[in-house]
Amino acid sequence: MTPVSSLRRMFQPILIGVLALAPGTFAWAWQSSVQPAARPHVVVPPPEVQFQQTVQQQQVRDQLQKSQQQQERRQSVSDNAKRPSANDPRMLRQLDHADQAQRDRDRAAQQDMVDRYRDQATLPRVVPQTVPASSRSGD
């Protein structure tokens, strides 16, 4: 065994360890030099706007609940309509398709209601504060 190969075997685990730790060490050093980002400033709407939002939320909840109750009533009627034709698979299939179409319409109407509420809602805005030029630009 040559002295060079024995040195290589002795230092190889150390070299592998250093190479394995290097990316983490560089990342830690870079992060420690980075300045924390400025905290955003949240603008809270005035009380009358908050009240209006609360009223609108309640109206949407009430409408969704009413829609759910209508769906349950329709389903009950549909289940009762299926009883006389329980032995006719073609009729049951047609009734199932009609039920599915009604559920799809109901779901679309509910989603539209929620989307309209979300689009009109006046939510608190996040206004970023002005940040001075970063010292990282030269890094």
C-alpha atoms as a PDB file:
ATOM      1  CA  MET A   1       0.000   0.000   0.000  1.00  0.00           C
ATOM      2  CA  THR A   2       1.460   3.344  -0.994  1.00  0.00           C
ATOM      3  CA  PRO A   3       1.530   6.296   1.358  1.00  0.00           C
ATOM      4  CA  VAL A   4      -0.648   8.331  -1.048  1.00  0.00           C
ATOM      5  CA  SER A   5      -3.414   5.731  -1.129  1.00  0.00           C
ATOM      6  CA  SER A   6      -3.424   5.399   2.666  1.00  0.00           C
ATOM      7  CA  LEU A   7      -3.703   9.200   2.994  1.00  0.00           C
ATOM      8  CA  ARG A   8      -6.540   9.199   0.467  1.00  0.00           C
ATOM      9  CA  ARG A   9      -8.411   6.525   2.442  1.00  0.00           C
ATOM     10  CA  MET A  10      -7.878   8.404   5.671  1.00  0.00           C
ATOM     11  CA  PHE A  11      -9.081  11.790   4.374  1.00  0.00           C
ATOM     12  CA  GLN A  12     -11.834  10.546   2.066  1.00  0.00           C
ATOM     13  CA  PRO A  13     -14.540  10.355   4.818  1.00  0.00           C
ATOM     14  CA  ILE A  14     -13.565  13.831   6.034  1.00  0.00           C
ATOM     15  CA  LEU A  15     -13.771  15.258   2.515  1.00  0.00           C
ATOM     16  CA  ILE A  16     -17.174  13.636   1.966  1.00  0.00           C
ATOM     17  CA  GLY A  17     -18.435  15.080   5.261  1.00  0.00           C
ATOM     18  CA  VAL A  18     -17.232  18.582   4.381  1.00  0.00           C
ATOM     19  CA  LEU A  19     -18.839  18.394   0.936  1.00  0.00           C
ATOM     20  CA  ALA A  20     -22.105  17.136   2.444  1.00  0.00           C
ATOM     21  CA  LEU A  21     -22.260  20.002   4.973  1.00  0.00           C
ATOM     22  CA  ALA A  22     -21.136  22.765   2.608  1.00  0.00           C
ATOM     23  CA  PRO A  23     -24.525  23.579   0.949  1.00  0.00           C
ATOM     24  CA  GLY A  24     -26.287  23.847   4.306  1.00  0.00           C
ATOM     25  CA  THR A  25     -23.513  26.000   5.734  1.00  0.00           C
ATOM     26  CA  PHE A  26     -23.594  28.363   2.753  1.00  0.00           C
ATOM     27  CA  ALA A  27     -27.385  28.614   2.951  1.00  0.00           C
ATOM     28  CA  TRP A  28     -27.240  29.369   6.673  1.00  0.00           C
ATOM     29  CA  ALA A  29     -24.562  32.038   6.133  1.00  0.00           C
ATOM     30  CA  TRP A  30     -26.590  33.663   3.336  1.00  0.00           C
ATOM     31  CA  GLN A  31     -29.818  33.666   5.370  1.00  0.00           C
ATOM     32  CA  SER A  32     -28.150  35.202   8.375  1.00  0.00           C
ATOM     33  CA  SER A  33     -27.019  38.150   6.232  1.00  0.00           C
ATOM     34  CA  VAL A  34     -30.487  38.722   4.710  1.00  0.00           C
ATOM     35  CA  GLN A  35     -32.526  41.461   6.347  1.00  0.00           C
ATOM     36  CA  PRO A  36     -36.064  40.490   7.410  1.00  0.00           C
ATOM     37  CA  ALA A  37     -38.803  41.633   5.064  1.00  0.00           C
ATOM     38  CA  ALA A  38     -40.918  44.606   6.049  1.00  0.00           C
ATOM     39  CA  ARG A  39     -44.184  43.617   7.703  1.00  0.00           C
ATOM     40  CA  PRO A  40     -47.259  44.420   5.619  1.00  0.00           C
ATOM     41  CA  HIS A  41     -49.689  47.006   6.893  1.00  0.00           C
ATOM     42  CA  VAL A  42     -53.275  45.740   7.031  1.00  0.00           C
ATOM     43  CA  VAL A  43     -55.944  48.345   6.439  1.00  0.00           C
ATOM     44  CA  VAL A  44     -59.033  47.421   8.469  1.00  0.00           C
ATOM     45  CA  PRO A  45     -62.309  48.624   6.976  1.00  0.00           C
ATOM     46  CA  PRO A  46     -64.453  51.036   9.002  1.00  0.00           C
ATOM     47  CA  PRO A  47     -67.148  49.579  11.301  1.00  0.00           C
ATOM     48  CA  GLU A  48     -70.010  50.302   8.894  1.00  0.00           C
ATOM     49  CA  VAL A  49     -68.235  48.347   6.145  1.00  0.00           C
ATOM     50  CA  GLN A  50     -67.551  45.488   8.558  1.00  0.00           C
ATOM     51  CA  PHE A  51     -71.251  45.465   9.484  1.00  0.00           C
ATOM     52  CA  GLN A  52     -72.233  45.395   5.810  1.00  0.00           C
ATOM     53  CA  GLN A  53     -69.877  42.465   5.222  1.00  0.00           C
ATOM     54  CA  THR A  54     -71.378  40.597   8.168  1.00  0.00           C
ATOM     55  CA  VAL A  55     -74.899  41.164   6.837  1.00  0.00           C
ATOM     56  CA  GLN A  56     -73.884  39.986   3.356  1.00  0.00           C
ATOM     57  CA  GLN A  57     -72.238  36.872   4.803  1.00  0.00           C
ATOM     58  CA  GLN A  58     -75.380  36.045   6.757  1.00  0.00           C
ATOM     59  CA  GLN A  59     -77.542  36.549   3.668  1.00  0.00           C
ATOM     60  CA  VAL A  60     -75.375  34.166   1.664  1.00  0.00           C
ATOM     61  CA  ARG A  61     -75.464  31.603   4.494  1.00  0.00           C
ATOM     62  CA  ASP A  62     -79.270  31.885   4.674  1.00  0.00           C
ATOM     63  CA  GLN A  63     -79.615  31.491   0.905  1.00  0.00           C
ATOM     64  CA  LEU A  64     -77.323  28.449   0.908  1.00  0.00           C
ATOM     65  CA  GLN A  65     -79.290  26.899   3.760  1.00  0.00           C
ATOM     66  CA  LYS A  66     -82.589  27.553   1.953  1.00  0.00           C
ATOM     67  CA  SER A  67     -81.161  25.983  -1.191  1.00  0.00           C
ATOM     68  CA  GLN A  68     -80.057  22.933   0.796  1.00  0.00           C
ATOM     69  CA  GLN A  69     -83.567  22.518   2.237  1.00  0.00           C
ATOM     70  CA  GLN A  70     -85.082  22.767  -1.255  1.00  0.00           C
ATOM     71  CA  GLN A  71     -82.693  20.090  -2.477  1.00  0.00           C
ATOM     72  CA  GLU A  72     -83.702  17.793   0.367  1.00  0.00           C
ATOM     73  CA  ARG A  73     -87.402  18.292  -0.422  1.00  0.00           C
ATOM     74  CA  ARG A  74     -86.812  17.620  -4.133  1.00  0.00           C
ATOM     75  CA  GLN A  75     -84.878  14.477  -3.298  1.00  0.00           C
ATOM     76  CA  SER A  76     -87.739  13.262  -1.105  1.00  0.00           C
ATOM     77  CA  VAL A  77     -90.232  13.885  -3.924  1.00  0.00           C
ATOM     78  CA  SER A  78     -87.933  12.124  -6.369  1.00  0.00           C
ATOM     79  CA  ASP A  79     -87.552   9.115  -4.077  1.00  0.00           C
ATOM     80  CA  ASN A  80     -91.343   8.876  -3.782  1.00  0.00           C
ATOM     81  CA  ALA A  81     -91.700   9.111  -7.573  1.00  0.00           C
ATOM     82  CA  LYS A  82     -89.318   6.186  -8.030  1.00  0.00           C
ATOM     83  CA  ARG A  83     -91.306   3.764  -5.864  1.00  0.00           C
ATOM     84  CA  PRO A  84     -94.086   2.926  -8.371  1.00  0.00           C
ATOM     85  CA  SER A  85     -91.554   2.277 -11.132  1.00  0.00           C
ATOM     86  CA  ALA A  86     -89.060   0.324  -9.019  1.00  0.00           C
ATOM     87  CA  ASN A  87     -89.250  -2.629 -11.423  1.00  0.00           C
ATOM     88  CA  ASP A  88     -88.658  -0.548 -14.569  1.00  0.00           C
ATOM     89  CA  PRO A  89     -84.895   0.010 -14.961  1.00  0.00           C
ATOM     90  CA  ARG A  90     -85.368   2.379 -17.912  1.00  0.00           C
ATOM     91  CA  MET A  91     -87.671   4.631 -15.908  1.00  0.00           C
ATOM     92  CA  LEU A  92     -85.334   4.549 -12.899  1.00  0.00           C
ATOM     93  CA  ARG A  93     -82.404   5.505 -15.134  1.00  0.00           C
ATOM     94  CA  GLN A  94     -84.370   8.475 -16.523  1.00  0.00           C
ATOM     95  CA  LEU A  95     -85.311   9.609 -13.030  1.00  0.00           C
ATOM     96  CA  ASP A  96     -81.670   9.246 -11.900  1.00  0.00           C
ATOM     97  CA  HIS A  97     -80.522  11.377 -14.853  1.00  0.00           C
ATOM     98  CA  ALA A  98     -83.113  14.009 -14.005  1.00  0.00           C
ATOM     99  CA  ASP A  99     -81.983  13.979 -10.361  1.00  0.00           C
ATOM    100  CA  GLN A 100     -78.356  14.386 -11.396  1.00  0.00           C
ATOM    101  CA  ALA A 101     -79.210  17.263 -13.722  1.00  0.00           C
ATOM    102  CA  GLN A 102     -81.105  19.005 -10.907  1.00  0.00           C
ATOM    103  CA  ARG A 103     -78.192  18.506  -8.494  1.00  0.00           C
ATOM    104  CA  ASP A 104     -75.817  19.954 -11.098  1.00  0.00           C
ATOM    105  CA  ARG A 105     -78.059  23.013 -11.529  1.00  0.00           C
ATOM    106  CA  ASP A 106     -78.311  23.467  -7.760  1.00  0.00           C
ATOM    107  CA  ARG A 107     -74.562  23.150  -7.308  1.00  0.00           C
ATOM    108  CA  ALA A 108     -73.921  25.666 -10.105  1.00  0.00           C
ATOM    109  CA  ALA A 109     -76.408  28.123  -8.581  1.00  0.00           C
ATOM    110  CA  GLN A 110     -74.804  27.802  -5.150  1.00  0.00           C
ATOM    111  CA  GLN A 111     -71.312  28.237  -6.582  1.00  0.00           C
ATOM    112  CA  ASP A 112     -72.489  31.294  -8.514  1.00  0.00           C
ATOM    113  CA  MET A 113     -73.924  32.766  -5.312  1.00  0.00           C
ATOM    114  CA  VAL A 114     -70.672  32.250  -3.436  1.00  0.00           C
ATOM    115  CA  ASP A 115     -68.596  33.602  -6.341  1.00  0.00           C
ATOM    116  CA  ARG A 116     -70.755  36.730  -6.588  1.00  0.00           C
ATOM    117  CA  TYR A 117     -70.400  37.317  -2.861  1.00  0.00           C
ATOM    118  CA  ARG A 118     -66.641  36.849  -2.997  1.00  0.00           C
ATOM    119  CA  ASP A 119     -66.312  39.168  -6.008  1.00  0.00           C
ATOM    120  CA  GLN A 120     -68.307  41.990  -4.401  1.00  0.00           C
ATOM    121  CA  ALA A 121     -66.928  41.638  -0.883  1.00  0.00           C
ATOM    122  CA  THR A 122     -64.815  44.493   0.320  1.00  0.00           C
ATOM    123  CA  LEU A 123     -62.048  42.662   2.091  1.00  0.00           C
ATOM    124  CA  PRO A 124     -59.240  44.221   4.109  1.00  0.00           C
ATOM    125  CA  ARG A 125     -56.432  45.274   1.848  1.00  0.00           C
ATOM    126  CA  VAL A 126     -52.768  44.566   2.490  1.00  0.00           C
ATOM    127  CA  VAL A 127     -50.684  47.610   1.660  1.00  0.00           C
ATOM    128  CA  PRO A 128     -46.955  46.878   1.497  1.00  0.00           C
ATOM    129  CA  GLN A 129     -44.797  49.391   3.257  1.00  0.00           C
ATOM    130  CA  THR A 130     -42.030  51.009   1.294  1.00  0.00           C
ATOM    131  CA  VAL A 131     -38.810  49.075   1.751  1.00  0.00           C
ATOM    132  CA  PRO A 132     -35.472  50.887   1.520  1.00  0.00           C
ATOM    133  CA  ALA A 133     -32.993  49.649  -1.048  1.00  0.00           C
ATOM    134  CA  SER A 134     -31.657  46.312   0.072  1.00  0.00           C
ATOM    135  CA  SER A 135     -28.033  45.932   1.022  1.00  0.00           C
ATOM    136  CA  ARG A 136     -28.139  42.559  -0.748  1.00  0.00           C
ATOM    137  CA  SER A 137     -27.983  44.220  -4.182  1.00  0.00           C
ATOM    138  CA  GLY A 138     -24.188  44.209  -3.998  1.00  0.00           C
ATOM    139  CA  ASP A 139     -23.966  40.627  -2.691  1.00  0.00           C
END
